[in-house]
Structures are given as C-alpha cells and as structure tokens.
Amino acid sequence: MADAWLPGAGRIPAELDGGQLKGGAPRVVWFTSEHDPRSVSARSAAHDLARTGRPAHLVWNPHTGEIVQLLPATRAACLLADPVRGEGRVCLQILVIGLAREPFTGGPLNGLDAIMRWLDGWGVPRRWPAGPPLPSPQSYHSDRQRRPWARGGHFGASQVPECVLPDPGGLDIHRITGQDTPAVEIPRPRPPAGQRTTPATPAASGAPPQVLPHRLARTAEPLLTPGPV
C-alpha cells in the first residue's frame, strides 16, 4: 500500500482540499511557482498556497531538495480546476519552485528520487502521453486534449484539459522519468473509417483474402505571489 504522505517530506496540512477523487488512470501534473529557487523556500511557497486556499500535494525546491506536502495523495489538490483535478485514482499536483522560462530540469534536481519512488508507489506510469511540455510562451497554445490525459502518466500543467497555465516550460523529460522515456507516444495504427478489421475468408466470399492498406501511425504533438523565505 502506497503512503498517502511522502516519507521524509515536511508537512503543512491544508484545511481545504479539492474533494474526492473520481477514479481513472493515475497521473501527476507539474507546475512552476515562477520564483527563483535560490531565493524562495518550499516551505514559504507552501504557506502561501495554504493561505490562499490553493494547496498542491507537494511543493518542491529542486535547488535545495526541500519538499513540503500539504495534502494526502488520496484527496484532490486545488491548483487545477474542478472537475479535472479529481480525475484519476490519484491526480497528484506538484508545484516546483522555478520559472517556466528557465525549465527546472536544466539545474539540480535534489530530492527527485524520493518523489519518483512515491509516484511509482501510486502506479503513475513513467510516460508523457502528450509528449514533452512546450517551452514558454509557446506553451500557452499547447494542445490540451482529452485522449492523452485519459491515459495517465506525467503532464505539464500546459497539457491539461481546461488549464490555461504555461507551466512548467520546456522540460527535459528524460531527467525526470529516465533515459528510456519515449519523447513522443506513438498511437497504435487503426484502419480507415469503414474499413473491415478482418479480411473475408475465401470460403465466405469466394475471393482471396483482402489485404488491408497500412496506415502510418501519427505522432502526437506534443501562481503564486512571492512570500517570505
């Protein structure tokens, strides 16, 4: 059984949460605080979220390795709007102290191993169904499609349906989920609309089996106010 609270993380339990989770594929969404991680602590950002009624599950400073948790994994967090925030067996929301225009994967990732073990424990697949998040400001115009979201896995906030944030910028996804992570998820080929999925047999049609044309797979295209340190 996975831990509802990340072992070893600091805790600032929030009074408000996003409600009950509705079930579905497990997923995690990455946000950025738009603060310099060298000058703002995870704890101060977490206090800010709790005070404004917008708690994430985790607040993480990758420069110092500090991690603070506000909500258990078994409840929805509030950085995403309803109903998206409640979709999934878990829909974990992680606020990274960093800037969308300077992706946090370009610097130290202290504390990431503990976070990934926790996500693995909750069954979040190490994949990015919508591909790598786009850099800011292009990420404002990202596709936010339901189909990849339904598969579960890792997403930038800019890839979430009904979310308008540009976070977290153009991440190097391999530094988060490993070098074996495919850069783009390849959908399974499907026959054209109206095409038979199995050939007619000679006994049934009096003709040799039909050879279906191959359809090439298409690649998927891919908040805070400063608080005291």
Protein backbone atom coordinates (compact mmCIF):
# COMPACT_ATOMS: atom_id res chain seq x y z
CA MET A 1 0.00 0.00 0.00
CA ALA A 2 1.44 3.37 -1.04
CA ASP A 3 1.89 6.10 1.55
CA ALA A 4 -0.63 8.93 1.40
CA TRP A 5 2.15 11.21 2.73
CA LEU A 6 5.62 11.24 1.16
CA PRO A 7 8.06 9.78 3.69
CA GLY A 8 10.61 12.35 4.81
CA ALA A 9 8.78 15.38 3.45
CA GLY A 10 7.86 18.34 5.63
CA ARG A 11 4.16 18.80 6.31
CA ILE A 12 1.88 21.81 6.33
CA PRO A 13 -1.59 20.16 6.31
CA ALA A 14 -4.04 22.37 4.44
CA GLU A 15 -7.52 22.95 5.79
CA LEU A 16 -9.04 22.98 2.29
CA ASP A 17 -8.74 20.35 -0.44
CA GLY A 18 -10.21 19.70 -3.87
CA GLY A 19 -12.58 16.95 -2.82
CA GLN A 20 -12.88 13.26 -3.52
CA LEU A 21 -11.06 11.57 -6.39
CA LYS A 22 -13.32 10.06 -9.03
CA GLY A 23 -11.17 7.18 -10.31
CA GLY A 24 -9.37 6.52 -13.58
CA ALA A 25 -5.76 6.34 -14.72
CA PRO A 26 -3.22 7.66 -12.17
CA ARG A 27 -1.36 10.81 -13.16
CA VAL A 28 0.86 13.64 -11.95
CA VAL A 29 0.84 17.28 -13.09
CA TRP A 30 3.91 19.52 -12.83
CA PHE A 31 3.61 23.26 -12.12
CA THR A 32 6.13 26.04 -11.51
CA SER A 33 5.81 28.75 -8.88
CA GLU A 34 7.52 31.44 -11.02
CA HIS A 35 10.05 32.08 -8.26
CA ASP A 36 13.82 31.76 -8.21
CA PRO A 37 14.61 28.53 -6.29
CA ARG A 38 17.75 30.18 -4.89
CA SER A 39 15.69 32.79 -3.04
CA VAL A 40 12.33 31.16 -2.19
CA SER A 41 11.93 28.10 0.00
CA ALA A 42 9.42 25.31 -0.49
CA ARG A 43 8.02 26.00 2.97
CA SER A 44 7.29 29.67 2.29
CA ALA A 45 5.61 28.80 -1.02
CA ALA A 46 3.58 26.07 0.69
CA HIS A 47 2.41 28.54 3.36
CA ASP A 48 1.38 30.90 0.55
CA LEU A 49 -0.69 28.17 -1.14
CA ALA A 50 -2.37 27.16 2.12
CA ARG A 51 -3.17 30.77 2.96
CA THR A 52 -4.79 31.44 -0.42
CA GLY A 53 -6.76 28.18 -0.47
CA ARG A 54 -4.89 26.68 -3.42
CA PRO A 55 -2.91 23.78 -1.95
CA ALA A 56 -0.86 21.42 -4.11
CA HIS A 57 0.07 17.95 -2.94
CA LEU A 58 3.79 18.71 -2.92
CA VAL A 59 5.91 21.84 -3.10
CA TRP A 60 9.49 21.05 -4.12
CA ASN A 61 12.60 23.19 -4.33
CA PRO A 62 14.95 21.26 -6.66
CA HIS A 63 17.88 23.53 -5.77
CA THR A 64 17.85 22.73 -2.04
CA GLY A 65 15.96 19.42 -2.16
CA GLU A 66 13.32 20.68 0.28
CA ILE A 67 9.89 19.03 -0.14
CA VAL A 68 6.75 20.07 1.72
CA GLN A 69 3.42 18.25 1.50
CA LEU A 70 0.06 19.94 2.07
CA LEU A 71 -2.47 17.23 1.16
CA PRO A 72 -2.56 13.42 1.16
CA ALA A 73 -2.49 11.67 -2.20
CA THR A 74 -5.99 10.34 -1.50
CA ARG A 75 -7.59 13.80 -1.86
CA ALA A 76 -7.66 16.17 -4.85
CA ALA A 77 -5.48 19.28 -4.76
CA CYS A 78 -6.54 22.77 -5.87
CA LEU A 79 -4.07 24.07 -8.46
CA LEU A 80 -6.26 22.52 -11.17
CA ALA A 81 -9.91 23.46 -11.53
CA ASP A 82 -12.83 21.16 -10.91
CA PRO A 83 -13.62 18.62 -12.36
CA VAL A 84 -10.19 17.89 -13.86
CA ARG A 85 -8.40 17.92 -10.50
CA GLY A 86 -10.46 14.95 -9.29
CA GLU A 87 -9.92 12.72 -12.33
CA GLY A 88 -7.83 9.61 -11.66
CA ARG A 89 -7.22 7.16 -8.86
CA VAL A 90 -4.65 9.78 -7.99
CA CYS A 91 -4.11 13.15 -9.69
CA LEU A 92 -1.00 14.40 -7.91
CA GLN A 93 -0.16 18.07 -8.30
CA ILE A 94 3.45 19.13 -7.72
CA LEU A 95 4.49 22.76 -7.55
CA VAL A 96 8.19 23.19 -8.34
CA ILE A 97 9.96 26.34 -7.16
CA GLY A 98 11.19 27.55 -10.52
CA LEU A 99 10.43 29.52 -13.67
CA ALA A 100 8.63 28.32 -16.79
CA ARG A 101 11.04 30.32 -18.98
CA GLU A 102 14.01 28.60 -17.31
CA PRO A 103 12.99 24.91 -17.08
CA PHE A 104 13.93 23.37 -13.75
CA THR A 105 15.36 20.30 -15.48
CA GLY A 106 18.29 22.49 -16.56
CA GLY A 107 19.53 22.69 -12.96
CA PRO A 108 19.95 20.43 -9.91
CA LEU A 109 17.13 18.01 -9.13
CA ASN A 110 17.82 17.34 -5.48
CA GLY A 111 15.04 15.29 -3.92
CA LEU A 112 13.64 13.98 -7.21
CA ASP A 113 14.44 10.32 -6.47
CA ALA A 114 12.21 10.34 -3.38
CA ILE A 115 9.38 11.94 -5.33
CA MET A 116 9.66 9.43 -8.18
CA ARG A 117 9.63 6.46 -5.79
CA TRP A 118 6.45 7.88 -4.26
CA LEU A 119 4.83 8.34 -7.66
CA ASP A 120 5.85 4.82 -8.67
CA GLY A 121 4.21 3.54 -5.49
CA TRP A 122 0.94 5.12 -6.59
CA GLY A 123 1.22 3.47 -10.01
CA VAL A 124 1.84 6.63 -12.04
CA PRO A 125 3.36 5.41 -15.34
CA ARG A 126 6.72 6.88 -16.32
CA ARG A 127 5.47 8.26 -19.61
CA TRP A 128 4.34 11.59 -21.07
CA PRO A 129 1.29 10.81 -23.24
CA ALA A 130 1.11 14.38 -24.58
CA GLY A 131 4.86 14.48 -25.28
CA PRO A 132 7.34 16.91 -23.70
CA PRO A 133 5.74 20.16 -22.49
CA LEU A 134 6.34 23.09 -24.82
CA PRO A 135 8.60 25.98 -23.77
CA SER A 136 7.04 29.21 -22.54
CA PRO A 137 5.41 31.26 -24.07
CA GLN A 138 4.57 28.72 -26.84
CA SER A 139 3.05 26.55 -24.10
CA TYR A 140 0.09 28.93 -23.83
CA HIS A 141 -1.02 27.43 -27.15
CA SER A 142 -0.42 23.77 -26.28
CA ASP A 143 -2.90 21.11 -27.24
CA ARG A 144 -4.87 20.16 -24.17
CA GLN A 145 -6.54 17.05 -25.49
CA ARG A 146 -8.64 14.61 -23.52
CA ARG A 147 -7.28 11.48 -25.19
CA PRO A 148 -3.69 11.61 -23.84
CA TRP A 149 -4.96 12.88 -20.49
CA ALA A 150 -7.15 9.79 -20.15
CA ARG A 151 -4.11 7.50 -20.40
CA GLY A 152 -2.50 8.76 -17.20
CA GLY A 153 1.19 9.41 -16.60
CA HIS A 154 3.13 12.69 -16.40
CA PHE A 155 1.84 16.04 -17.69
CA GLY A 156 2.84 19.65 -17.60
CA ALA A 157 0.06 21.99 -16.49
CA SER A 158 0.10 23.38 -20.05
CA GLN A 159 -1.10 19.97 -21.32
CA VAL A 160 -4.08 19.54 -19.01
CA PRO A 161 -7.61 19.94 -20.42
CA GLU A 162 -9.24 23.22 -19.35
CA CYS A 163 -6.00 24.56 -17.83
CA VAL A 164 -4.61 27.82 -19.26
CA LEU A 165 -1.25 27.93 -17.43
CA PRO A 166 2.07 27.83 -19.35
CA ASP A 167 3.81 25.77 -16.64
CA PRO A 168 6.30 24.20 -16.39
CA GLY A 169 8.04 25.20 -19.63
CA GLY A 170 10.13 23.04 -21.93
CA LEU A 171 11.25 20.24 -19.62
CA ASP A 172 13.88 17.63 -20.41
CA ILE A 173 11.53 14.76 -19.61
CA HIS A 174 14.38 12.23 -19.55
CA ARG A 175 15.80 13.87 -16.42
CA ILE A 176 12.51 13.18 -14.66
CA THR A 177 11.29 9.81 -15.88
CA GLY A 178 14.54 8.29 -17.21
CA GLN A 179 16.51 7.99 -20.42
CA ASP A 180 14.23 5.23 -21.74
CA THR A 181 11.20 7.54 -21.78
CA PRO A 182 9.94 7.93 -25.37
CA ALA A 183 9.94 11.56 -26.46
CA VAL A 184 6.54 11.09 -28.12
CA GLU A 185 3.89 8.47 -27.54
CA ILE A 186 3.04 6.66 -30.80
CA PRO A 187 -0.66 5.78 -31.16
CA ARG A 188 -1.49 2.30 -32.43
CA PRO A 189 -2.30 2.20 -36.16
CA ARG A 190 -6.01 1.92 -36.94
CA PRO A 191 -7.69 1.06 -40.24
CA PRO A 192 -9.51 3.86 -42.09
CA ALA A 193 -13.14 4.52 -41.17
CA GLY A 194 -15.44 1.92 -42.72
CA GLN A 195 -12.58 -0.48 -43.49
CA ARG A 196 -13.03 -4.09 -42.32
CA THR A 197 -10.70 -5.01 -39.47
CA THR A 198 -10.52 -8.70 -40.53
CA PRO A 199 -10.32 -9.99 -44.09
CA ALA A 200 -13.13 -12.03 -45.62
CA THR A 201 -12.20 -15.70 -45.97
CA PRO A 202 -12.23 -17.44 -49.39
CA ALA A 203 -14.93 -19.78 -48.12
CA ALA A 204 -17.20 -16.88 -47.22
CA SER A 205 -16.61 -14.63 -50.22
CA GLY A 206 -15.24 -16.78 -52.99
CA ALA A 207 -12.31 -14.36 -53.27
CA PRO A 208 -8.77 -14.38 -51.90
CA PRO A 209 -8.27 -12.64 -48.57
CA GLN A 210 -8.31 -8.85 -48.76
CA VAL A 211 -5.03 -7.11 -47.98
CA LEU A 212 -5.69 -4.02 -45.89
CA PRO A 213 -3.64 -0.90 -46.63
CA HIS A 214 -1.20 0.03 -43.91
CA ARG A 215 -1.98 3.26 -42.10
CA LEU A 216 1.02 5.13 -40.84
CA ALA A 217 0.93 5.99 -37.16
CA ARG A 218 0.80 9.69 -36.49
CA THR A 219 2.94 11.14 -33.76
CA ALA A 220 1.12 13.11 -31.09
CA GLU A 221 2.11 16.72 -30.84
CA PRO A 222 3.24 17.08 -28.31
CA LEU A 223 0.69 31.34 -9.18
CA LEU A 224 1.78 32.30 -6.69
CA THR A 225 2.61 35.64 -5.01
CA PRO A 226 6.08 35.89 -3.51
CA GLY A 227 6.13 35.02 0.15
CA PRO A 228 8.77 35.28 2.83
CA VAL A 229 11.67 32.92 2.51
